[in-house]
């Protein structure tokens, strides 16, 4: 369950995710998405179940550092 590559600027990959102009994306950050605790995994499952039409996007410190460069 990792992030899709999308900048969400109404690109073709995201147009179908928008309803009434609001993107159906949930952005979540973690220290290291490759080493999630049980608590974090349960949280992800809970958010996914509560928002079945949304796409969960996961980022970690390395993703954020790459974005800032």
N, C-alpha and C. Protein backbone atom coordinates (compact mmCIF):
# COMPACT_ATOMS: atom_id res chain seq x y z
N UNK A 1 0.84 -1.18 0.00
CA UNK A 1 0.00 0.00 0.00
C UNK A 1 0.89 1.24 0.00
N UNK A 2 1.40 1.63 -1.15
CA UNK A 2 2.28 2.79 -1.24
C UNK A 2 1.62 3.85 -2.12
N UNK A 3 2.17 5.04 -2.05
CA UNK A 3 1.60 6.18 -2.76
C UNK A 3 1.65 6.01 -4.27
N UNK A 4 0.64 6.51 -4.91
CA UNK A 4 0.65 6.64 -6.36
C UNK A 4 1.50 7.85 -6.70
N UNK A 5 2.10 7.86 -7.85
CA UNK A 5 2.87 9.02 -8.26
C UNK A 5 1.93 10.00 -8.94
N UNK A 6 1.63 11.07 -8.25
CA UNK A 6 0.69 12.05 -8.79
C UNK A 6 0.91 13.39 -8.11
N UNK A 7 0.96 14.45 -8.86
CA UNK A 7 1.10 15.77 -8.27
C UNK A 7 -0.25 16.43 -8.05
N UNK A 8 -1.31 15.80 -8.48
CA UNK A 8 -2.68 16.26 -8.28
C UNK A 8 -2.91 17.69 -8.76
N UNK A 9 -2.49 17.98 -9.95
CA UNK A 9 -2.77 19.29 -10.55
C UNK A 9 -3.79 19.10 -11.65
N UNK A 10 -4.78 18.28 -11.35
CA UNK A 10 -5.83 17.92 -12.30
C UNK A 10 -5.26 17.25 -13.53
N UNK A 11 -4.20 16.50 -13.31
CA UNK A 11 -3.61 15.72 -14.40
C UNK A 11 -4.58 14.60 -14.77
N UNK A 12 -4.42 14.00 -15.94
CA UNK A 12 -5.36 12.94 -16.36
C UNK A 12 -5.51 11.82 -15.33
N UNK A 13 -4.43 11.49 -14.60
CA UNK A 13 -4.54 10.40 -13.63
C UNK A 13 -5.40 10.79 -12.44
N UNK A 14 -5.61 12.07 -12.21
CA UNK A 14 -6.37 12.51 -11.04
C UNK A 14 -7.77 13.03 -11.36
N UNK A 15 -8.06 13.33 -12.59
CA UNK A 15 -9.36 13.91 -12.89
C UNK A 15 -10.51 13.07 -12.37
N UNK A 16 -10.37 11.75 -12.46
CA UNK A 16 -11.47 10.91 -12.00
C UNK A 16 -11.56 10.88 -10.48
N UNK A 17 -10.55 11.37 -9.78
CA UNK A 17 -10.58 11.38 -8.33
C UNK A 17 -11.27 12.61 -7.77
N UNK A 18 -11.56 13.58 -8.59
CA UNK A 18 -12.15 14.83 -8.13
C UNK A 18 -13.67 14.79 -8.21
N UNK A 19 -14.30 15.19 -7.12
CA UNK A 19 -15.75 15.29 -7.08
C UNK A 19 -16.05 16.68 -6.52
N UNK A 20 -16.80 17.47 -7.27
CA UNK A 20 -17.12 18.84 -6.86
C UNK A 20 -15.86 19.66 -6.61
N UNK A 21 -14.79 19.37 -7.35
CA UNK A 21 -13.56 20.13 -7.23
C UNK A 21 -12.67 19.73 -6.07
N UNK A 22 -13.08 18.76 -5.28
CA UNK A 22 -12.29 18.33 -4.13
C UNK A 22 -11.64 16.99 -4.44
N UNK A 23 -10.30 16.92 -4.36
CA UNK A 23 -9.64 15.64 -4.67
C UNK A 23 -9.94 14.59 -3.61
N UNK A 24 -10.18 13.38 -4.05
CA UNK A 24 -10.46 12.28 -3.13
C UNK A 24 -9.15 11.58 -2.79
N UNK A 25 -8.27 12.35 -2.16
CA UNK A 25 -6.94 11.88 -1.79
C UNK A 25 -6.72 12.11 -0.30
N UNK A 26 -6.14 11.13 0.36
CA UNK A 26 -5.74 11.27 1.75
C UNK A 26 -4.23 11.16 1.81
N UNK A 27 -3.58 12.23 2.25
CA UNK A 27 -2.12 12.27 2.35
C UNK A 27 -1.73 11.91 3.77
N UNK A 28 -0.85 10.92 3.91
CA UNK A 28 -0.40 10.48 5.23
C UNK A 28 1.13 10.45 5.25
N UNK A 29 1.70 10.89 6.37
CA UNK A 29 3.15 10.90 6.50
C UNK A 29 3.61 9.97 7.62
N UNK A 30 4.76 9.38 7.40
CA UNK A 30 5.36 8.46 8.36
C UNK A 30 6.86 8.70 8.38
N UNK A 31 7.48 8.33 9.46
CA UNK A 31 8.95 8.44 9.55
C UNK A 31 9.60 7.57 8.48
N UNK A 32 9.15 6.31 8.38
CA UNK A 32 9.70 5.36 7.41
C UNK A 32 8.57 4.43 6.98
N UNK A 33 8.03 4.63 5.79
CA UNK A 33 6.88 3.84 5.35
C UNK A 33 7.22 2.37 5.11
N UNK A 34 8.50 2.05 5.09
CA UNK A 34 8.91 0.66 4.94
C UNK A 34 8.94 -0.09 6.26
N UNK A 35 8.78 0.65 7.36
CA UNK A 35 8.83 0.03 8.69
C UNK A 35 7.67 0.56 9.53
N UNK A 36 6.45 0.24 9.14
CA UNK A 36 5.27 0.71 9.88
C UNK A 36 4.97 -0.20 11.06
N UNK A 37 4.60 0.42 12.17
CA UNK A 37 4.22 -0.35 13.35
C UNK A 37 2.82 -0.92 13.15
N UNK A 38 2.45 -1.83 14.01
CA UNK A 38 1.10 -2.41 13.97
C UNK A 38 0.05 -1.30 14.11
N UNK A 39 0.31 -0.36 15.00
CA UNK A 39 -0.61 0.76 15.21
C UNK A 39 -0.82 1.55 13.90
N UNK A 40 0.27 1.82 13.20
CA UNK A 40 0.17 2.56 11.94
C UNK A 40 -0.58 1.75 10.88
N UNK A 41 -0.32 0.47 10.81
CA UNK A 41 -1.02 -0.39 9.84
C UNK A 41 -2.52 -0.40 10.13
N UNK A 42 -2.89 -0.53 11.40
CA UNK A 42 -4.31 -0.52 11.77
C UNK A 42 -4.95 0.83 11.44
N UNK A 43 -4.19 1.89 11.62
CA UNK A 43 -4.68 3.23 11.28
C UNK A 43 -4.94 3.35 9.77
N UNK A 44 -4.01 2.84 8.97
CA UNK A 44 -4.19 2.86 7.51
C UNK A 44 -5.43 2.09 7.10
N UNK A 45 -5.62 0.92 7.67
CA UNK A 45 -6.79 0.09 7.35
C UNK A 45 -8.07 0.83 7.75
N UNK A 46 -8.05 1.45 8.91
CA UNK A 46 -9.22 2.19 9.39
C UNK A 46 -9.58 3.35 8.46
N UNK A 47 -8.57 4.12 8.05
CA UNK A 47 -8.82 5.24 7.13
C UNK A 47 -9.32 4.74 5.77
N UNK A 48 -8.76 3.65 5.29
CA UNK A 48 -9.18 3.09 4.00
C UNK A 48 -10.64 2.61 4.06
N UNK A 49 -11.00 1.95 5.14
CA UNK A 49 -12.38 1.47 5.29
C UNK A 49 -13.37 2.62 5.43
N UNK A 50 -12.97 3.66 6.15
CA UNK A 50 -13.84 4.81 6.37
C UNK A 50 -13.98 5.69 5.12
N UNK A 51 -13.05 5.56 4.19
CA UNK A 51 -13.03 6.40 2.98
C UNK A 51 -12.77 5.54 1.75
N UNK A 52 -13.70 4.65 1.41
CA UNK A 52 -13.45 3.68 0.34
C UNK A 52 -13.24 4.28 -1.05
N UNK A 53 -13.70 5.49 -1.29
CA UNK A 53 -13.55 6.09 -2.62
C UNK A 53 -12.31 6.98 -2.72
N UNK A 54 -11.58 7.10 -1.65
CA UNK A 54 -10.37 7.92 -1.63
C UNK A 54 -9.14 7.08 -1.91
N UNK A 55 -8.12 7.74 -2.40
CA UNK A 55 -6.81 7.12 -2.60
C UNK A 55 -5.92 7.55 -1.44
N UNK A 56 -5.31 6.59 -0.78
CA UNK A 56 -4.37 6.89 0.29
C UNK A 56 -2.98 7.08 -0.30
N UNK A 57 -2.37 8.20 0.01
CA UNK A 57 -1.01 8.50 -0.45
C UNK A 57 -0.11 8.53 0.77
N UNK A 58 0.93 7.72 0.74
CA UNK A 58 1.85 7.62 1.87
C UNK A 58 3.19 8.27 1.51
N UNK A 59 3.70 9.04 2.45
CA UNK A 59 5.00 9.69 2.29
C UNK A 59 5.82 9.44 3.55
N UNK A 60 7.11 9.38 3.39
CA UNK A 60 7.99 9.29 4.55
C UNK A 60 9.04 10.39 4.45
N UNK A 61 9.95 10.42 5.43
CA UNK A 61 10.95 11.48 5.45
C UNK A 61 11.76 11.56 4.16
N UNK A 62 12.09 10.40 3.59
CA UNK A 62 12.87 10.39 2.35
C UNK A 62 12.07 11.02 1.20
N UNK A 63 10.78 10.73 1.12
CA UNK A 63 9.93 11.33 0.08
C UNK A 63 9.87 12.84 0.25
N UNK A 64 9.74 13.29 1.48
CA UNK A 64 9.63 14.74 1.73
C UNK A 64 10.95 15.45 1.42
N UNK A 65 12.06 14.80 1.75
CA UNK A 65 13.37 15.41 1.43
C UNK A 65 13.56 15.49 -0.09
N UNK A 66 13.16 14.46 -0.80
CA UNK A 66 13.27 14.45 -2.26
C UNK A 66 12.39 15.55 -2.86
N UNK A 67 11.21 15.75 -2.30
CA UNK A 67 10.30 16.78 -2.79
C UNK A 67 10.90 18.18 -2.56
N UNK A 68 11.58 18.36 -1.44
CA UNK A 68 12.12 19.67 -1.11
C UNK A 68 13.35 20.04 -1.97
N UNK A 69 13.97 19.04 -2.61
CA UNK A 69 15.17 19.32 -3.42
C UNK A 69 14.82 19.96 -4.71
